């Protein structure tokens, strides 16, 4: 618990994983809602596009966020190694 309060460990990567699953659920439900409640013949296409775009967008955004934290972790390892010399 001390590491969280003094920012020795990052809490946000765990939150990003939760947000990723939440975004997946929202994009799938939204796409299905577009398919089943949409009007016209393009509703199926738009719903599938919404699902695919939402899933890809969520994945790319979350991967970028995780990469930022991995860079931070690797920099912290370098600092710790440098201080140990």
N, C-alpha and C. Protein backbone atom coordinates (compact mmCIF):
# COMPACT_ATOMS: atom_id res chain seq x y z
N UNK A 1 0.82 -1.19 0.00
CA UNK A 1 0.00 0.00 0.00
C UNK A 1 0.87 1.26 0.00
N UNK A 2 2.00 1.18 0.68
CA UNK A 2 2.90 2.33 0.75
C UNK A 2 3.40 2.72 -0.65
N UNK A 3 3.66 1.73 -1.49
CA UNK A 3 4.17 2.02 -2.83
C UNK A 3 3.16 2.78 -3.68
N UNK A 4 1.88 2.55 -3.43
CA UNK A 4 0.84 3.27 -4.17
C UNK A 4 0.75 4.72 -3.69
N UNK A 5 0.83 4.93 -2.38
CA UNK A 5 0.71 6.28 -1.84
C UNK A 5 1.91 7.16 -2.16
N UNK A 6 3.08 6.56 -2.32
CA UNK A 6 4.28 7.33 -2.62
C UNK A 6 4.71 7.21 -4.08
N UNK A 7 3.82 6.71 -4.93
CA UNK A 7 4.02 6.62 -6.38
C UNK A 7 5.24 5.78 -6.77
N UNK A 8 5.57 4.76 -5.95
CA UNK A 8 6.64 3.84 -6.33
C UNK A 8 6.14 2.81 -7.33
N UNK A 9 4.87 2.52 -7.28
CA UNK A 9 4.27 1.62 -8.28
C UNK A 9 3.10 2.36 -8.94
N UNK A 10 2.85 2.00 -10.17
CA UNK A 10 1.81 2.69 -10.94
C UNK A 10 0.48 1.93 -10.84
N UNK A 11 -0.55 2.65 -10.57
CA UNK A 11 -1.90 2.09 -10.46
C UNK A 11 -2.63 2.14 -11.80
N UNK A 12 -2.27 3.09 -12.65
CA UNK A 12 -2.99 3.33 -13.89
C UNK A 12 -2.96 2.16 -14.87
N UNK A 13 -1.86 1.39 -15.01
CA UNK A 13 -1.92 0.25 -15.94
C UNK A 13 -3.03 -0.75 -15.59
N UNK A 14 -3.30 -0.93 -14.32
CA UNK A 14 -4.39 -1.82 -13.93
C UNK A 14 -5.75 -1.22 -14.33
N UNK A 15 -5.85 0.09 -14.21
CA UNK A 15 -7.08 0.77 -14.58
C UNK A 15 -7.27 0.73 -16.10
N UNK A 16 -6.17 0.84 -16.86
CA UNK A 16 -6.25 0.80 -18.32
C UNK A 16 -6.80 -0.55 -18.78
N UNK A 17 -6.41 -1.63 -18.12
CA UNK A 17 -6.93 -2.95 -18.47
C UNK A 17 -8.44 -3.00 -18.26
N UNK A 18 -8.91 -2.47 -17.15
CA UNK A 18 -10.35 -2.43 -16.89
C UNK A 18 -11.07 -1.57 -17.94
N UNK A 19 -10.49 -0.42 -18.26
CA UNK A 19 -11.09 0.48 -19.25
C UNK A 19 -11.15 -0.20 -20.62
N UNK A 20 -10.10 -0.97 -20.95
CA UNK A 20 -10.09 -1.69 -22.23
C UNK A 20 -11.29 -2.63 -22.34
N UNK A 21 -11.53 -3.42 -21.31
CA UNK A 21 -12.67 -4.36 -21.35
C UNK A 21 -13.99 -3.62 -21.37
N UNK A 22 -14.06 -2.51 -20.67
CA UNK A 22 -15.27 -1.70 -20.69
C UNK A 22 -15.52 -1.11 -22.07
N UNK A 23 -14.47 -0.61 -22.73
CA UNK A 23 -14.62 -0.06 -24.09
C UNK A 23 -15.02 -1.14 -25.09
N UNK A 24 -14.49 -2.35 -24.92
CA UNK A 24 -14.90 -3.45 -25.79
C UNK A 24 -16.39 -3.74 -25.64
N UNK A 25 -16.83 -3.79 -24.41
CA UNK A 25 -18.25 -4.06 -24.16
C UNK A 25 -19.13 -2.96 -24.75
N UNK A 26 -18.73 -1.71 -24.55
CA UNK A 26 -19.52 -0.59 -25.06
C UNK A 26 -19.56 -0.60 -26.59
N UNK A 27 -18.43 -0.88 -27.23
CA UNK A 27 -18.43 -0.86 -28.70
C UNK A 27 -19.25 -2.02 -29.27
N UNK A 28 -19.20 -3.17 -28.63
CA UNK A 28 -19.99 -4.31 -29.13
C UNK A 28 -21.48 -4.07 -28.91
N UNK A 29 -21.84 -3.62 -27.73
CA UNK A 29 -23.26 -3.35 -27.45
C UNK A 29 -23.78 -2.22 -28.34
N UNK A 30 -22.97 -1.18 -28.52
CA UNK A 30 -23.38 -0.08 -29.39
C UNK A 30 -23.54 -0.51 -30.83
N UNK A 31 -22.62 -1.34 -31.30
CA UNK A 31 -22.72 -1.84 -32.67
C UNK A 31 -23.93 -2.73 -32.87
N UNK A 32 -24.19 -3.60 -31.90
CA UNK A 32 -25.37 -4.45 -32.00
C UNK A 32 -26.66 -3.62 -31.93
N UNK A 33 -26.65 -2.60 -31.10
CA UNK A 33 -27.83 -1.72 -31.03
C UNK A 33 -28.04 -1.01 -32.36
N UNK A 34 -26.96 -0.62 -33.02
CA UNK A 34 -27.09 0.03 -34.32
C UNK A 34 -27.64 -0.95 -35.35
N UNK A 35 -27.18 -2.19 -35.27
CA UNK A 35 -27.65 -3.20 -36.23
C UNK A 35 -29.14 -3.47 -36.05
N UNK A 36 -29.58 -3.66 -34.81
CA UNK A 36 -30.96 -4.09 -34.58
C UNK A 36 -31.97 -2.95 -34.50
N UNK A 37 -31.51 -1.73 -34.24
CA UNK A 37 -32.47 -0.64 -34.17
C UNK A 37 -32.29 0.36 -35.30
N UNK A 38 -31.31 0.14 -36.14
CA UNK A 38 -31.06 1.06 -37.25
C UNK A 38 -32.12 0.94 -38.33
N UNK A 39 -32.21 1.98 -39.11
CA UNK A 39 -33.18 2.01 -40.19
C UNK A 39 -32.44 1.90 -41.51
N UNK A 40 -33.02 1.18 -42.42
CA UNK A 40 -32.44 1.07 -43.75
C UNK A 40 -31.49 -0.11 -43.86
N UNK A 41 -31.03 -0.31 -45.08
CA UNK A 41 -30.17 -1.45 -45.35
C UNK A 41 -28.73 -1.22 -44.90
N UNK A 42 -28.38 0.01 -44.60
CA UNK A 42 -27.00 0.29 -44.21
C UNK A 42 -26.78 0.11 -42.71
N UNK A 43 -27.81 -0.23 -41.96
CA UNK A 43 -27.67 -0.37 -40.51
C UNK A 43 -26.73 -1.51 -40.15
N UNK A 44 -26.80 -2.60 -40.88
CA UNK A 44 -25.91 -3.74 -40.60
C UNK A 44 -24.46 -3.34 -40.85
N UNK A 45 -24.23 -2.68 -41.98
CA UNK A 45 -22.87 -2.25 -42.31
C UNK A 45 -22.34 -1.25 -41.28
N UNK A 46 -23.16 -0.28 -40.91
CA UNK A 46 -22.74 0.72 -39.94
C UNK A 46 -22.50 0.10 -38.56
N UNK A 47 -23.32 -0.86 -38.17
CA UNK A 47 -23.13 -1.54 -36.89
C UNK A 47 -21.84 -2.34 -36.86
N UNK A 48 -21.58 -3.07 -37.94
CA UNK A 48 -20.32 -3.83 -38.01
C UNK A 48 -19.11 -2.90 -38.03
N UNK A 49 -19.24 -1.80 -38.74
CA UNK A 49 -18.17 -0.82 -38.79
C UNK A 49 -17.93 -0.21 -37.40
N UNK A 50 -18.99 0.03 -36.69
CA UNK A 50 -18.88 0.57 -35.34
C UNK A 50 -18.20 -0.44 -34.41
N UNK A 51 -18.53 -1.71 -34.52
CA UNK A 51 -17.92 -2.74 -33.69
C UNK A 51 -16.42 -2.85 -34.00
N UNK A 52 -16.10 -2.99 -35.27
CA UNK A 52 -14.69 -3.15 -35.66
C UNK A 52 -13.89 -1.90 -35.31
N UNK A 53 -14.42 -0.74 -35.63
CA UNK A 53 -13.72 0.51 -35.32
C UNK A 53 -13.55 0.72 -33.83
N UNK A 54 -14.57 0.39 -33.07
CA UNK A 54 -14.50 0.54 -31.61
C UNK A 54 -13.49 -0.39 -30.99
N UNK A 55 -13.48 -1.64 -31.44
CA UNK A 55 -12.53 -2.61 -30.91
C UNK A 55 -11.10 -2.21 -31.26
N UNK A 56 -10.88 -1.84 -32.52
CA UNK A 56 -9.52 -1.43 -32.92
C UNK A 56 -9.09 -0.15 -32.23
N UNK A 57 -9.98 0.82 -32.15
CA UNK A 57 -9.65 2.08 -31.49
C UNK A 57 -9.33 1.88 -30.01
N UNK A 58 -10.12 1.06 -29.34
CA UNK A 58 -9.88 0.78 -27.92
C UNK A 58 -8.54 0.08 -27.72
N UNK A 59 -8.25 -0.88 -28.58
CA UNK A 59 -6.99 -1.63 -28.47
C UNK A 59 -5.79 -0.70 -28.70
N UNK A 60 -5.85 0.12 -29.72
CA UNK A 60 -4.73 1.02 -30.03
C UNK A 60 -4.53 2.03 -28.90
N UNK A 61 -5.60 2.62 -28.41
CA UNK A 61 -5.48 3.61 -27.34
C UNK A 61 -4.89 2.98 -26.08
N UNK A 62 -5.40 1.80 -25.71
CA UNK A 62 -4.91 1.15 -24.50
C UNK A 62 -3.46 0.68 -24.65
N UNK A 63 -3.09 0.19 -25.83
CA UNK A 63 -1.71 -0.20 -26.05
C UNK A 63 -0.78 1.00 -25.93
N UNK A 64 -1.17 2.14 -26.47
CA UNK A 64 -0.35 3.34 -26.36
C UNK A 64 -0.19 3.76 -24.90
N UNK A 65 -1.25 3.67 -24.13
CA UNK A 65 -1.15 4.01 -22.72
C UNK A 65 -0.22 3.06 -21.98
N UNK A 66 -0.32 1.77 -22.27
CA UNK A 66 0.54 0.78 -21.61
C UNK A 66 1.99 0.98 -22.02
N UNK A 67 2.24 1.32 -23.28
CA UNK A 67 3.62 1.56 -23.74
C UNK A 67 4.24 2.71 -22.96
N UNK A 68 3.48 3.75 -22.70
CA UNK A 68 4.00 4.88 -21.93
C UNK A 68 4.44 4.41 -20.54
N UNK A 69 3.64 3.57 -19.91
CA UNK A 69 4.00 3.09 -18.57
C UNK A 69 5.15 2.09 -18.61
N UNK A 70 5.27 1.32 -19.68
CA UNK A 70 6.42 0.41 -19.80
C UNK A 70 7.71 1.20 -20.02
N UNK A 71 7.63 2.28 -20.77
CA UNK A 71 8.80 3.15 -20.92
C UNK A 71 9.20 3.70 -19.56
N UNK A 72 8.22 4.13 -18.78
CA UNK A 72 8.50 4.64 -17.44
C UNK A 72 9.16 3.56 -16.58
N UNK A 73 8.66 2.34 -16.66
CA UNK A 73 9.24 1.24 -15.88
C UNK A 73 10.68 0.95 -16.29
N UNK A 74 10.94 0.95 -17.59
CA UNK A 74 12.29 0.70 -18.07
C UNK A 74 13.24 1.83 -17.68
N UNK A 75 12.77 3.06 -17.73
CA UNK A 75 13.60 4.19 -17.29
C UNK A 75 13.90 4.09 -15.79
N UNK A 76 12.93 3.65 -15.02
CA UNK A 76 13.14 3.48 -13.58
C UNK A 76 14.18 2.40 -13.32
N UNK A 77 14.17 1.32 -14.10
CA UNK A 77 15.19 0.28 -13.96
C UNK A 77 16.58 0.82 -14.27
N UNK A 78 16.66 1.66 -15.31
CA UNK A 78 17.95 2.26 -15.65
C UNK A 78 18.46 3.17 -14.53
N UNK A 79 17.56 3.96 -13.94
CA UNK A 79 17.95 4.84 -12.84
C UNK A 79 18.41 4.02 -11.64
N UNK A 80 17.67 2.96 -11.33
CA UNK A 80 18.04 2.12 -10.19
C UNK A 80 19.39 1.45 -10.43
N UNK A 81 19.65 1.00 -11.65
CA UNK A 81 20.91 0.36 -11.99
C UNK A 81 22.06 1.38 -11.90
N UNK A 82 21.80 2.61 -12.35
CA UNK A 82 22.82 3.66 -12.31
C UNK A 82 23.13 4.05 -10.87
N UNK A 83 22.14 4.09 -10.03
CA UNK A 83 22.35 4.45 -8.61
C UNK A 83 23.07 3.34 -7.86
N UNK A 84 22.94 2.10 -8.32
CA UNK A 84 23.58 0.97 -7.68
C UNK A 84 25.07 0.86 -7.99
N UNK A 85 25.52 1.56 -9.00
CA UNK A 85 26.94 1.48 -9.37
C UNK A 85 27.83 2.23 -8.44
